[in-house]
Amino acid sequence: MAETIPSGVIDLNTQVKAIQIDTEDTITVESERTDGKREKIVASAVILALPPRIIAKHIEFSLSLSPNLQSALAELVYTRTPEGRKVLLQARAKAMSAQFVSKSEQISVWK
């Protein structure tokens, strides 16, 4: 996929500070370079290659993410970290163990 992206499209050494959805076709990205220079970039699409909780914590969104979604993103656990793998394995074990629990059924009989 990286080979299909034209040169000069990806900005390295740049921290995204805010993303604003202007219209359906326009996105404004506010960024800060390592030298402290700030700039705004207008784009039709943005790819964020970060864990969701980092995105929610460090990037300000306007109009696109509800407060509920932002807080949900902050609580997501990234499964490529040891903490995330532990949570994932616990959830899988709980799901698998539920298969072995017999379910009781209440039956009412009228005579």
PDB file of N, CA and C in Angstrom:
ATOM      1  N   MET A   1       0.817  -1.177   0.000  1.00  0.00           N
ATOM      2  CA  MET A   1       0.000   0.000   0.000  1.00  0.00           C
ATOM      3  C   MET A   1       0.872   1.256   0.000  1.00  0.00           C
ATOM      4  N   ALA A   2       1.979   1.244   0.756  1.00  0.00           N
ATOM      5  CA  ALA A   2       2.827   2.433   0.853  1.00  0.00           C
ATOM      6  C   ALA A   2       3.389   2.831  -0.500  1.00  0.00           C
ATOM      7  N   GLU A   3       3.615   1.862  -1.369  1.00  0.00           N
ATOM      8  CA  GLU A   3       4.170   2.162  -2.691  1.00  0.00           C
ATOM      9  C   GLU A   3       3.202   2.947  -3.564  1.00  0.00           C
ATOM     10  N   THR A   4       1.916   2.860  -3.276  1.00  0.00           N
ATOM     11  CA  THR A   4       0.914   3.543  -4.101  1.00  0.00           C
ATOM     12  C   THR A   4       0.707   5.003  -3.701  1.00  0.00           C
ATOM     13  N   ILE A   5       1.277   5.411  -2.571  1.00  0.00           N
ATOM     14  CA  ILE A   5       1.121   6.792  -2.110  1.00  0.00           C
ATOM     15  C   ILE A   5       2.196   7.648  -2.784  1.00  0.00           C
ATOM     16  N   PRO A   6       1.806   8.715  -3.461  1.00  0.00           N
ATOM     17  CA  PRO A   6       2.791   9.574  -4.129  1.00  0.00           C
ATOM     18  C   PRO A   6       3.755  10.222  -3.133  1.00  0.00           C
ATOM     19  N   SER A   7       4.978  10.498  -3.585  1.00  0.00           N
ATOM     20  CA  SER A   7       5.947  11.145  -2.696  1.00  0.00           C
ATOM     21  C   SER A   7       5.477  12.560  -2.372  1.00  0.00           C
ATOM     22  N   GLY A   8       5.836  13.026  -1.189  1.00  0.00           N
ATOM     23  CA  GLY A   8       5.432  14.363  -0.760  1.00  0.00           C
ATOM     24  C   GLY A   8       4.062  14.425  -0.115  1.00  0.00           C
ATOM     25  N   VAL A   9       3.374  13.288  -0.047  1.00  0.00           N
ATOM     26  CA  VAL A   9       2.032  13.260   0.539  1.00  0.00           C
ATOM     27  C   VAL A   9       2.096  12.994   2.039  1.00  0.00           C
ATOM     28  N   ILE A  10       3.083  12.236   2.482  1.00  0.00           N
ATOM     29  CA  ILE A  10       3.225  11.883   3.888  1.00  0.00           C
ATOM     30  C   ILE A  10       4.181  12.871   4.547  1.00  0.00           C
ATOM     31  N   ASP A  11       3.762  13.467   5.671  1.00  0.00           N
ATOM     32  CA  ASP A  11       4.605  14.384   6.434  1.00  0.00           C
ATOM     33  C   ASP A  11       5.132  13.666   7.664  1.00  0.00           C
ATOM     34  N   LEU A  12       6.442  13.460   7.690  1.00  0.00           N
ATOM     35  CA  LEU A  12       7.066  12.853   8.856  1.00  0.00           C
ATOM     36  C   LEU A  12       7.504  13.958   9.817  1.00  0.00           C
ATOM     37  N   ASN A  13       7.841  13.592  11.034  1.00  0.00           N
ATOM     38  CA  ASN A  13       8.271  14.544  12.063  1.00  0.00           C
ATOM     39  C   ASN A  13       7.244  15.646  12.271  1.00  0.00           C
ATOM     40  N   THR A  14       5.976  15.276  12.191  1.00  0.00           N
ATOM     41  CA  THR A  14       4.886  16.233  12.339  1.00  0.00           C
ATOM     42  C   THR A  14       3.857  15.636  13.291  1.00  0.00           C
ATOM     43  N   GLN A  15       3.419  16.431  14.259  1.00  0.00           N
ATOM     44  CA  GLN A  15       2.401  15.964  15.198  1.00  0.00           C
ATOM     45  C   GLN A  15       1.071  16.612  14.854  1.00  0.00           C
ATOM     46  N   VAL A  16       0.065  15.792  14.639  1.00  0.00           N
ATOM     47  CA  VAL A  16      -1.274  16.306  14.358  1.00  0.00           C
ATOM     48  C   VAL A  16      -1.877  16.785  15.665  1.00  0.00           C
ATOM     49  N   LYS A  17      -2.370  18.022  15.660  1.00  0.00           N
ATOM     50  CA  LYS A  17      -2.977  18.616  16.852  1.00  0.00           C
ATOM     51  C   LYS A  17      -4.496  18.598  16.789  1.00  0.00           C
ATOM     52  N   ALA A  18      -5.055  18.818  15.580  1.00  0.00           N
ATOM     53  CA  ALA A  18      -6.513  18.887  15.440  1.00  0.00           C
ATOM     54  C   ALA A  18      -6.922  18.468  14.043  1.00  0.00           C
ATOM     55  N   ILE A  19      -8.115  17.891  13.955  1.00  0.00           N
ATOM     56  CA  ILE A  19      -8.713  17.521  12.669  1.00  0.00           C
ATOM     57  C   ILE A  19     -10.122  18.086  12.667  1.00  0.00           C
ATOM     58  N   GLN A  20     -10.416  18.832  11.619  1.00  0.00           N
ATOM     59  CA  GLN A  20     -11.736  19.465  11.506  1.00  0.00           C
ATOM     60  C   GLN A  20     -12.383  19.032  10.199  1.00  0.00           C
ATOM     61  N   ILE A  21     -13.609  18.535  10.291  1.00  0.00           N
ATOM     62  CA  ILE A  21     -14.387  18.187   9.112  1.00  0.00           C
ATOM     63  C   ILE A  21     -15.110  19.444   8.666  1.00  0.00           C
ATOM     64  N   ASP A  22     -14.691  19.999   7.521  1.00  0.00           N
ATOM     65  CA  ASP A  22     -15.293  21.236   7.030  1.00  0.00           C
ATOM     66  C   ASP A  22     -16.563  20.958   6.234  1.00  0.00           C
ATOM     67  N   THR A  23     -16.478  20.060   5.277  1.00  0.00           N
ATOM     68  CA  THR A  23     -17.621  19.623   4.473  1.00  0.00           C
ATOM     69  C   THR A  23     -17.439  18.136   4.254  1.00  0.00           C
ATOM     70  N   GLU A  24     -18.305  17.561   3.465  1.00  0.00           N
ATOM     71  CA  GLU A  24     -18.167  16.128   3.192  1.00  0.00           C
ATOM     72  C   GLU A  24     -16.885  15.821   2.433  1.00  0.00           C
ATOM     73  N   ASP A  25     -16.357  16.792   1.690  1.00  0.00           N
ATOM     74  CA  ASP A  25     -15.181  16.546   0.859  1.00  0.00           C
ATOM     75  C   ASP A  25     -13.910  17.211   1.371  1.00  0.00           C
ATOM     76  N   THR A  26     -13.978  17.973   2.451  1.00  0.00           N
ATOM     77  CA  THR A  26     -12.816  18.733   2.904  1.00  0.00           C
ATOM     78  C   THR A  26     -12.529  18.498   4.379  1.00  0.00           C
ATOM     79  N   ILE A  27     -11.272  18.197   4.665  1.00  0.00           N
ATOM     80  CA  ILE A  27     -10.809  17.992   6.028  1.00  0.00           C
ATOM     81  C   ILE A  27      -9.610  18.919   6.239  1.00  0.00           C
ATOM     82  N   THR A  28      -9.608  19.653   7.344  1.00  0.00           N
ATOM     83  CA  THR A  28      -8.465  20.500   7.668  1.00  0.00           C
ATOM     84  C   THR A  28      -7.708  19.864   8.820  1.00  0.00           C
ATOM     85  N   VAL A  29      -6.416  19.656   8.623  1.00  0.00           N
ATOM     86  CA  VAL A  29      -5.560  19.054   9.638  1.00  0.00           C
ATOM     87  C   VAL A  29      -4.602  20.124  10.149  1.00  0.00           C
ATOM     88  N   GLU A  30      -4.627  20.380  11.442  1.00  0.00           N
ATOM     89  CA  GLU A  30      -3.676  21.305  12.059  1.00  0.00           C
ATOM     90  C   GLU A  30      -2.535  20.478  12.620  1.00  0.00           C
ATOM     91  N   SER A  31      -1.310  20.849  12.252  1.00  0.00           N
ATOM     92  CA  SER A  31      -0.157  20.083  12.697  1.00  0.00           C
ATOM     93  C   SER A  31       0.949  20.995  13.218  1.00  0.00           C
ATOM     94  N   GLU A  32       1.866  20.383  13.935  1.00  0.00           N
ATOM     95  CA  GLU A  32       3.032  21.098  14.458  1.00  0.00           C
ATOM     96  C   GLU A  32       4.272  20.280  14.155  1.00  0.00           C
ATOM     97  N   ARG A  33       5.243  20.912  13.509  1.00  0.00           N
ATOM     98  CA  ARG A  33       6.498  20.244  13.176  1.00  0.00           C
ATOM     99  C   ARG A  33       7.428  20.241  14.388  1.00  0.00           C
ATOM    100  N   THR A  34       8.477  19.446  14.312  1.00  0.00           N
ATOM    101  CA  THR A  34       9.419  19.369  15.429  1.00  0.00           C
ATOM    102  C   THR A  34      10.133  20.692  15.671  1.00  0.00           C
ATOM    103  N   ASP A  35      10.204  21.581  14.647  1.00  0.00           N
ATOM    104  CA  ASP A  35      10.828  22.897  14.832  1.00  0.00           C
ATOM    105  C   ASP A  35       9.862  23.915  15.430  1.00  0.00           C
ATOM    106  N   GLY A  36       8.626  23.490  15.753  1.00  0.00           N
ATOM    107  CA  GLY A  36       7.640  24.364  16.364  1.00  0.00           C
ATOM    108  C   GLY A  36       6.719  25.064  15.378  1.00  0.00           C
ATOM    109  N   LYS A  37       7.008  24.962  14.098  1.00  0.00           N
ATOM    110  CA  LYS A  37       6.177  25.612  13.082  1.00  0.00           C
ATOM    111  C   LYS A  37       4.836  24.887  12.984  1.00  0.00           C
ATOM    112  N   ARG A  38       3.758  25.672  12.997  1.00  0.00           N
ATOM    113  CA  ARG A  38       2.405  25.117  12.877  1.00  0.00           C
ATOM    114  C   ARG A  38       1.893  25.378  11.476  1.00  0.00           C
ATOM    115  N   GLU A  39       1.102  24.459  10.973  1.00  0.00           N
ATOM    116  CA  GLU A  39       0.505  24.652   9.657  1.00  0.00           C
ATOM    117  C   GLU A  39      -0.832  23.943   9.562  1.00  0.00           C
ATOM    118  N   LYS A  40      -1.636  24.389   8.622  1.00  0.00           N
ATOM    119  CA  LYS A  40      -2.923  23.757   8.337  1.00  0.00           C
ATOM    120  C   LYS A  40      -2.837  23.147   6.955  1.00  0.00           C
ATOM    121  N   ILE A  41      -3.314  21.921   6.859  1.00  0.00           N
ATOM    122  CA  ILE A  41      -3.305  21.189   5.603  1.00  0.00           C
ATOM    123  C   ILE A  41      -4.741  20.828   5.268  1.00  0.00           C
ATOM    124  N   VAL A  42      -5.165  21.122   4.036  1.00  0.00           N
ATOM    125  CA  VAL A  42      -6.505  20.760   3.590  1.00  0.00           C
ATOM    126  C   VAL A  42      -6.382  19.468   2.789  1.00  0.00           C
ATOM    127  N   ALA A  43      -7.227  18.494   3.116  1.00  0.00           N
ATOM    128  CA  ALA A  43      -7.152  17.183   2.474  1.00  0.00           C
ATOM    129  C   ALA A  43      -8.548  16.637   2.218  1.00  0.00           C
ATOM    130  N   SER A  44      -8.601  15.628   1.373  1.00  0.00           N
ATOM    131  CA  SER A  44      -9.871  14.942   1.133  1.00  0.00           C
ATOM    132  C   SER A  44      -9.979  13.682   1.986  1.00  0.00           C
ATOM    133  N   ALA A  45      -8.834  13.219   2.517  1.00  0.00           N
ATOM    134  CA  ALA A  45      -8.823  12.037   3.376  1.00  0.00           C
ATOM    135  C   ALA A  45      -7.612  12.111   4.294  1.00  0.00           C
ATOM    136  N   VAL A  46      -7.718  11.460   5.448  1.00  0.00           N
ATOM    137  CA  VAL A  46      -6.631  11.422   6.417  1.00  0.00           C
ATOM    138  C   VAL A  46      -6.508   9.995   6.922  1.00  0.00           C
ATOM    139  N   ILE A  47      -5.275   9.506   7.003  1.00  0.00           N
ATOM    140  CA  ILE A  47      -5.020   8.175   7.561  1.00  0.00           C
ATOM    141  C   ILE A  47      -4.233   8.375   8.844  1.00  0.00           C
ATOM    142  N   LEU A  48      -4.755   7.878   9.949  1.00  0.00           N
ATOM    143  CA  LEU A  48      -4.075   7.965  11.236  1.00  0.00           C
ATOM    144  C   LEU A  48      -3.576   6.580  11.616  1.00  0.00           C
ATOM    145  N   ALA A  49      -2.279   6.411  11.661  1.00  0.00           N
ATOM    146  CA  ALA A  49      -1.680   5.116  11.979  1.00  0.00           C
ATOM    147  C   ALA A  49      -1.248   5.093  13.443  1.00  0.00           C
ATOM    148  N   LEU A  50      -2.224   5.236  14.318  1.00  0.00           N
ATOM    149  CA  LEU A  50      -1.986   5.264  15.760  1.00  0.00           C
ATOM    150  C   LEU A  50      -3.060   4.449  16.462  1.00  0.00           C
ATOM    151  N   PRO A  51      -2.761   3.970  17.662  1.00  0.00           N
ATOM    152  CA  PRO A  51      -3.810   3.303  18.433  1.00  0.00           C
ATOM    153  C   PRO A  51      -4.942   4.287  18.736  1.00  0.00           C
ATOM    154  N   PRO A  52      -6.189   3.833  18.733  1.00  0.00           N
ATOM    155  CA  PRO A  52      -7.333   4.717  18.957  1.00  0.00           C
ATOM    156  C   PRO A  52      -7.248   5.536  20.232  1.00  0.00           C
ATOM    157  N   ARG A  53      -6.745   4.969  21.327  1.00  0.00           N
ATOM    158  CA  ARG A  53      -6.697   5.740  22.575  1.00  0.00           C
ATOM    159  C   ARG A  53      -5.698   6.889  22.488  1.00  0.00           C
ATOM    160  N   ILE A  54      -4.633   6.748  21.702  1.00  0.00           N
ATOM    161  CA  ILE A  54      -3.672   7.841  21.506  1.00  0.00           C
ATOM    162  C   ILE A  54      -4.319   8.936  20.665  1.00  0.00           C
ATOM    163  N   ILE A  55      -5.058   8.527  19.647  1.00  0.00           N
ATOM    164  CA  ILE A  55      -5.770   9.494  18.801  1.00  0.00           C
ATOM    165  C   ILE A  55      -6.747  10.306  19.649  1.00  0.00           C
ATOM    166  N   ALA A  56      -7.534   9.618  20.470  1.00  0.00           N
ATOM    167  CA  ALA A  56      -8.544  10.296  21.292  1.00  0.00           C
ATOM    168  C   ALA A  56      -7.905  11.220  22.322  1.00  0.00           C
ATOM    169  N   LYS A  57      -6.728  10.861  22.811  1.00  0.00           N
ATOM    170  CA  LYS A  57      -6.088  11.638  23.869  1.00  0.00           C
ATOM    171  C   LYS A  57      -5.345  12.867  23.337  1.00  0.00           C
ATOM    172  N   HIS A  58      -4.751  12.769  22.136  1.00  0.00           N
ATOM    173  CA  HIS A  58      -3.847  13.808  21.668  1.00  0.00           C
ATOM    174  C   HIS A  58      -4.349  14.638  20.486  1.00  0.00           C
ATOM    175  N   ILE A  59      -5.419  14.231  19.846  1.00  0.00           N
ATOM    176  CA  ILE A  59      -5.911  14.956  18.676  1.00  0.00           C
ATOM    177  C   ILE A  59      -7.308  15.482  18.966  1.00  0.00           C
ATOM    178  N   GLU A  60      -7.499  16.768  18.743  1.00  0.00           N
ATOM    179  CA  GLU A  60      -8.805  17.377  18.952  1.00  0.00           C
ATOM    180  C   GLU A  60      -9.615  17.256  17.664  1.00  0.00           C
ATOM    181  N   PHE A  61     -10.805  16.712  17.765  1.00  0.00           N
ATOM    182  CA  PHE A  61     -11.682  16.562  16.613  1.00  0.00           C
ATOM    183  C   PHE A  61     -12.826  17.567  16.724  1.00  0.00           C
ATOM    184  N   SER A  62     -13.274  18.061  15.591  1.00  0.00           N
ATOM    185  CA  SER A  62     -14.455  18.914  15.608  1.00  0.00           C
ATOM    186  C   SER A  62     -15.457  18.414  14.591  1.00  0.00           C
ATOM    187  N   LEU A  63     -16.685  18.315  15.022  1.00  0.00           N
ATOM    188  CA  LEU A  63     -17.839  17.907  14.230  1.00  0.00           C
ATOM    189  C   LEU A  63     -17.887  16.436  13.863  1.00  0.00           C
ATOM    190  N   SER A  64     -16.814  15.713  13.966  1.00  0.00           N
ATOM    191  CA  SER A  64     -16.872  14.348  13.467  1.00  0.00           C
ATOM    192  C   SER A  64     -17.075  13.296  14.556  1.00  0.00           C
ATOM    193  N   LEU A  65     -16.552  13.515  15.751  1.00  0.00           N
ATOM    194  CA  LEU A  65     -16.650  12.508  16.794  1.00  0.00           C
ATOM    195  C   LEU A  65     -17.471  13.034  17.970  1.00  0.00           C
ATOM    196  N   SER A  66     -18.470  12.287  18.342  1.00  0.00           N
ATOM    197  CA  SER A  66     -19.273  12.669  19.501  1.00  0.00           C
ATOM    198  C   SER A  66     -18.445  12.466  20.773  1.00  0.00           C
ATOM    199  N   PRO A  67     -18.797  13.142  21.855  1.00  0.00           N
ATOM    200  CA  PRO A  67     -18.077  12.929  23.123  1.00  0.00           C
ATOM    201  C   PRO A  67     -18.093  11.472  23.565  1.00  0.00           C
ATOM    202  N   ASN A  68     -19.204  10.769  23.325  1.00  0.00           N
ATOM    203  CA  ASN A  68     -19.284   9.356  23.693  1.00  0.00           C
ATOM    204  C   ASN A  68     -18.275   8.529  22.912  1.00  0.00           C
ATOM    205  N   LEU A  69     -18.149   8.813  21.614  1.00  0.00           N
ATOM    206  CA  LEU A  69     -17.199   8.070  20.793  1.00  0.00           C
ATOM    207  C   LEU A  69     -15.772   8.399  21.198  1.00  0.00           C
ATOM    208  N   GLN A  70     -15.485   9.658  21.489  1.00  0.00           N
ATOM    209  CA  GLN A  70     -14.138  10.024  21.923  1.00  0.00           C
ATOM    210  C   GLN A  70     -13.769   9.324  23.223  1.00  0.00           C
ATOM    211  N   SER A  71     -14.691   9.257  24.179  1.00  0.00           N
ATOM    212  CA  SER A  71     -14.382   8.575  25.431  1.00  0.00           C
ATOM    213  C   SER A  71     -14.248   7.069  25.215  1.00  0.00           C
ATOM    214  N   ALA A  72     -15.038   6.510  24.303  1.00  0.00           N
ATOM    215  CA  ALA A  72     -14.919   5.081  23.995  1.00  0.00           C
ATOM    216  C   ALA A  72     -13.567   4.786  23.361  1.00  0.00           C
ATOM    217  N   LEU A  73     -13.106   5.658  22.462  1.00  0.00           N
ATOM    218  CA  LEU A  73     -11.793   5.475  21.847  1.00  0.00           C
ATOM    219  C   LEU A  73     -10.693   5.518  22.897  1.00  0.00           C
ATOM    220  N   ALA A  74     -10.825   6.399  23.860  1.00  0.00           N
ATOM    221  CA  ALA A  74      -9.811   6.527  24.900  1.00  0.00           C
ATOM    222  C   ALA A  74      -9.733   5.271  25.766  1.00  0.00           C
ATOM    223  N   GLU A  75     -10.849   4.545  25.871  1.00  0.00           N
ATOM    224  CA  GLU A  75     -10.884   3.354  26.708  1.00  0.00           C
ATOM    225  C   GLU A  75     -10.501   2.078  25.959  1.00  0.00           C
ATOM    226  N   LEU A  76     -10.379   2.153  24.641  1.00  0.00           N
ATOM    227  CA  LEU A  76     -10.008   0.971  23.877  1.00  0.00           C
ATOM    228  C   LEU A  76      -8.614   0.501  24.253  1.00  0.00           C
ATOM    229  N   VAL A  77      -8.419  -0.794  24.230  1.00  0.00           N
ATOM    230  CA  VAL A  77      -7.116  -1.370  24.541  1.00  0.00           C
ATOM    231  C   VAL A  77      -6.524  -1.892  23.245  1.00  0.00           C
ATOM    232  N   TYR A  78      -5.322  -1.445  22.949  1.00  0.00           N
ATOM    233  CA  TYR A  78      -4.632  -1.843  21.723  1.00  0.00           C
ATOM    234  C   TYR A  78      -4.016  -3.214  21.934  1.00  0.00           C
ATOM    235  N   THR A  79      -4.375  -4.199  21.118  1.00  0.00           N
ATOM    236  CA  THR A  79      -3.990  -5.589  21.373  1.00  0.00           C
ATOM    237  C   THR A  79      -2.549  -5.917  21.009  1.00  0.00           C
ATOM    238  N   ARG A  80      -1.786  -4.958  20.515  1.00  0.00           N
ATOM    239  CA  ARG A  80      -0.376  -5.235  20.228  1.00  0.00           C
ATOM    240  C   ARG A  80       0.524  -4.890  21.407  1.00  0.00           C
ATOM    241  N   THR A  81      -0.076  -4.484  22.500  1.00  0.00           N
ATOM    242  CA  THR A  81       0.685  -4.215  23.720  1.00  0.00           C
ATOM    243  C   THR A  81       0.472  -5.387  24.675  1.00  0.00           C
ATOM    244  N   PRO A  82       1.393  -5.600  25.614  1.00  0.00           N
ATOM    245  CA  PRO A  82       1.186  -6.685  26.590  1.00  0.00           C
ATOM    246  C   PRO A  82      -0.134  -6.529  27.351  1.00  0.00           C
ATOM    247  N   GLU A  83      -0.482  -5.284  27.728  1.00  0.00           N
ATOM    248  CA  GLU A  83      -1.748  -5.039  28.433  1.00  0.00           C
ATOM    249  C   GLU A  83      -2.929  -5.443  27.557  1.00  0.00           C
ATOM    250  N   GLY A  84      -2.881  -5.067  26.287  1.00  0.00           N
ATOM    251  CA  GLY A  84      -3.963  -5.376  25.364  1.00  0.00           C
ATOM    252  C   GLY A  84      -4.108  -6.865  25.117  1.00  0.00           C
ATOM    253  N   ARG A  85      -2.983  -7.553  24.996  1.00  0.00           N
ATOM    254  CA  ARG A  85      -3.030  -9.010  24.794  1.00  0.00           C
ATOM    255  C   ARG A  85      -3.651  -9.709  25.995  1.00  0.00           C
ATOM    256  N   LYS A  86      -3.316  -9.212  27.194  1.00  0.00           N
ATOM    257  CA  LYS A  86      -3.879  -9.807  28.406  1.00  0.00           C
ATOM    258  C   LYS A  86      -5.396  -9.657  28.429  1.00  0.00           C
ATOM    259  N   VAL A  87      -5.887  -8.457  28.107  1.00  0.00           N
ATOM    260  CA  VAL A  87      -7.333  -8.209  28.077  1.00  0.00           C
ATOM    261  C   VAL A  87      -7.999  -9.087  27.029  1.00  0.00           C
ATOM    262  N   LEU A  88      -7.387  -9.192  25.857  1.00  0.00           N
ATOM    263  CA  LEU A  88      -7.942 -10.014  24.777  1.00  0.00           C
ATOM    264  C   LEU A  88      -8.009 -11.482  25.189  1.00  0.00           C
ATOM    265  N   LEU A  89      -6.941 -12.003  25.785  1.00  0.00           N
ATOM    266  CA  LEU A  89      -6.930 -13.412  26.208  1.00  0.00           C
ATOM    267  C   LEU A  89      -7.955 -13.670  27.310  1.00  0.00           C
ATOM    268  N   GLN A  90      -8.123 -12.721  28.231  1.00  0.00           N
ATOM    269  CA  GLN A  90      -9.135 -12.882  29.284  1.00  0.00           C
ATOM    270  C   GLN A  90     -10.540 -12.927  28.681  1.00  0.00           C
ATOM    271  N   ALA A  91     -10.794 -12.077  27.701  1.00  0.00           N
ATOM    272  CA  ALA A  91     -12.114 -12.061  27.057  1.00  0.00           C
ATOM    273  C   ALA A  91     -12.356 -13.354  26.295  1.00  0.00           C
ATOM    274  N   ARG A  92     -11.332 -13.856  25.616  1.00  0.00           N
ATOM    275  CA  ARG A  92     -11.482 -15.127  24.885  1.00  0.00           C
ATOM    276  C   ARG A  92     -11.722 -16.286  25.843  1.00  0.00           C
ATOM    277  N   ALA A  93     -10.991 -16.311  26.950  1.00  0.00           N
ATOM    278  CA  ALA A  93     -11.170 -17.386  27.931  1.00  0.00           C
ATOM    279  C   ALA A  93     -12.572 -17.345  28.529  1.00  0.00           C
ATOM    280  N   LYS A  94     -13.060 -16.149  28.818  1.00  0.00           N
ATOM    281  CA  LYS A  94     -14.413 -16.021  29.368  1.00  0.00           C
ATOM    282  C   LYS A  94     -15.461 -16.484  28.362  1.00  0.00           C
ATOM    283  N   ALA A  95     -15.274 -16.141  27.098  1.00  0.00           N
ATOM    284  CA  ALA A  95     -16.216 -16.560  26.057  1.00  0.00           C
ATOM    285  C   ALA A  95     -16.202 -18.076  25.882  1.00  0.00           C
ATOM    286  N   MET A  96     -15.008 -18.659  25.921  1.00  0.00           N
ATOM    287  CA  MET A  96     -14.905 -20.115  25.757  1.00  0.00           C
ATOM    288  C   MET A  96     -15.488 -20.850  26.952  1.00  0.00           C
ATOM    289  N   SER A  97     -15.260 -20.336  28.170  1.00  0.00           N
ATOM    290  CA  SER A  97     -15.763 -21.025  29.359  1.00  0.00           C
ATOM    291  C   SER A  97     -17.286 -20.988  29.428  1.00  0.00           C
ATOM    292  N   ALA A  98     -17.891 -19.974  28.821  1.00  0.00           N
ATOM    293  CA  ALA A  98     -19.351 -19.874  28.821  1.00  0.00           C
ATOM    294  C   ALA A  98     -19.987 -21.028  28.060  1.00  0.00           C
ATOM    295  N   GLN A  99     -19.254 -21.632  27.143  1.00  0.00           N
ATOM    296  CA  GLN A  99     -19.786 -22.758  26.363  1.00  0.00           C
ATOM    297  C   GLN A  99     -19.981 -23.999  27.235  1.00  0.00           C
ATOM    298  N   PHE A 100     -19.230 -24.089  28.344  1.00  0.00           N
ATOM    299  CA  PHE A 100     -19.279 -25.282  29.179  1.00  0.00           C
ATOM    300  C   PHE A 100     -20.221 -25.146  30.367  1.00  0.00           C
ATOM    301  N   VAL A 101     -20.817 -23.995  30.530  1.00  0.00           N
ATOM    302  CA  VAL A 101     -21.756 -23.779  31.624  1.00  0.00           C
ATOM    303  C   VAL A 101     -23.128 -24.241  31.160  1.00  0.00           C
ATOM    304  N   SER A 102     -23.717 -25.160  31.947  1.00  0.00           N
ATOM    305  CA  SER A 102     -25.044 -25.631  31.567  1.00  0.00           C
ATOM    306  C   SER A 102     -26.068 -24.563  31.909  1.00  0.00           C
ATOM    307  N   LYS A 103     -26.977 -24.396  31.032  1.00  0.00           N
ATOM    308  CA  LYS A 103     -28.004 -23.383  31.228  1.00  0.00           C
ATOM    309  C   LYS A 103     -29.244 -24.057  31.804  1.00  0.00           C
ATOM    310  N   SER A 104     -29.749 -23.471  32.867  1.00  0.00           N
ATOM    311  CA  SER A 104     -30.957 -24.030  33.468  1.00  0.00           C
ATOM    312  C   SER A 104     -32.174 -23.424  32.792  1.00  0.00           C
ATOM    313  N   GLU A 105     -33.226 -24.209  32.783  1.00  0.00           N
ATOM    314  CA  GLU A 105     -34.447 -23.756  32.139  1.00  0.00           C
ATOM    315  C   GLU A 105     -35.598 -23.964  33.118  1.00  0.00           C
ATOM    316  N   GLN A 106     -36.392 -22.929  33.284  1.00  0.00           N
ATOM    317  CA  GLN A 106     -37.520 -23.030  34.192  1.00  0.00           C
ATOM    318  C   GLN A 106     -38.746 -23.469  33.393  1.00  0.00           C
ATOM    319  N   ILE A 107     -39.387 -24.517  33.878  1.00  0.00           N
ATOM    320  CA  ILE A 107     -40.561 -25.039  33.194  1.00  0.00           C
ATOM    321  C   ILE A 107     -41.727 -25.032  34.174  1.00  0.00           C
ATOM    322  N   SER A 108     -42.794 -24.463  33.731  1.00  0.00           N
ATOM    323  CA  SER A 108     -44.008 -24.486  34.566  1.00  0.00           C
ATOM    324  C   SER A 108     -44.976 -25.504  33.960  1.00  0.00           C
ATOM    325  N   VAL A 109     -45.441 -26.413  34.819  1.00  0.00           N
ATOM    326  CA  VAL A 109     -46.353 -27.439  34.349  1.00  0.00           C
ATOM    327  C   VAL A 109     -47.654 -27.321  35.138  1.00  0.00           C
ATOM    328  N   TRP A 110     -48.757 -27.243  34.420  1.00  0.00           N
ATOM    329  CA  TRP A 110     -50.068 -27.167  35.059  1.00  0.00           C
ATOM    330  C   TRP A 110     -50.718 -28.518  34.962  1.00  0.00           C
ATOM    331  N   LYS A 111     -51.194 -28.993  36.099  1.00  0.00           N
ATOM    332  CA  LYS A 111     -51.880 -30.274  36.088  1.00  0.00           C
ATOM    333  C   LYS A 111     -53.253 -30.144  36.660  1.00  0.00           C
TER     334      LYS A 111
END
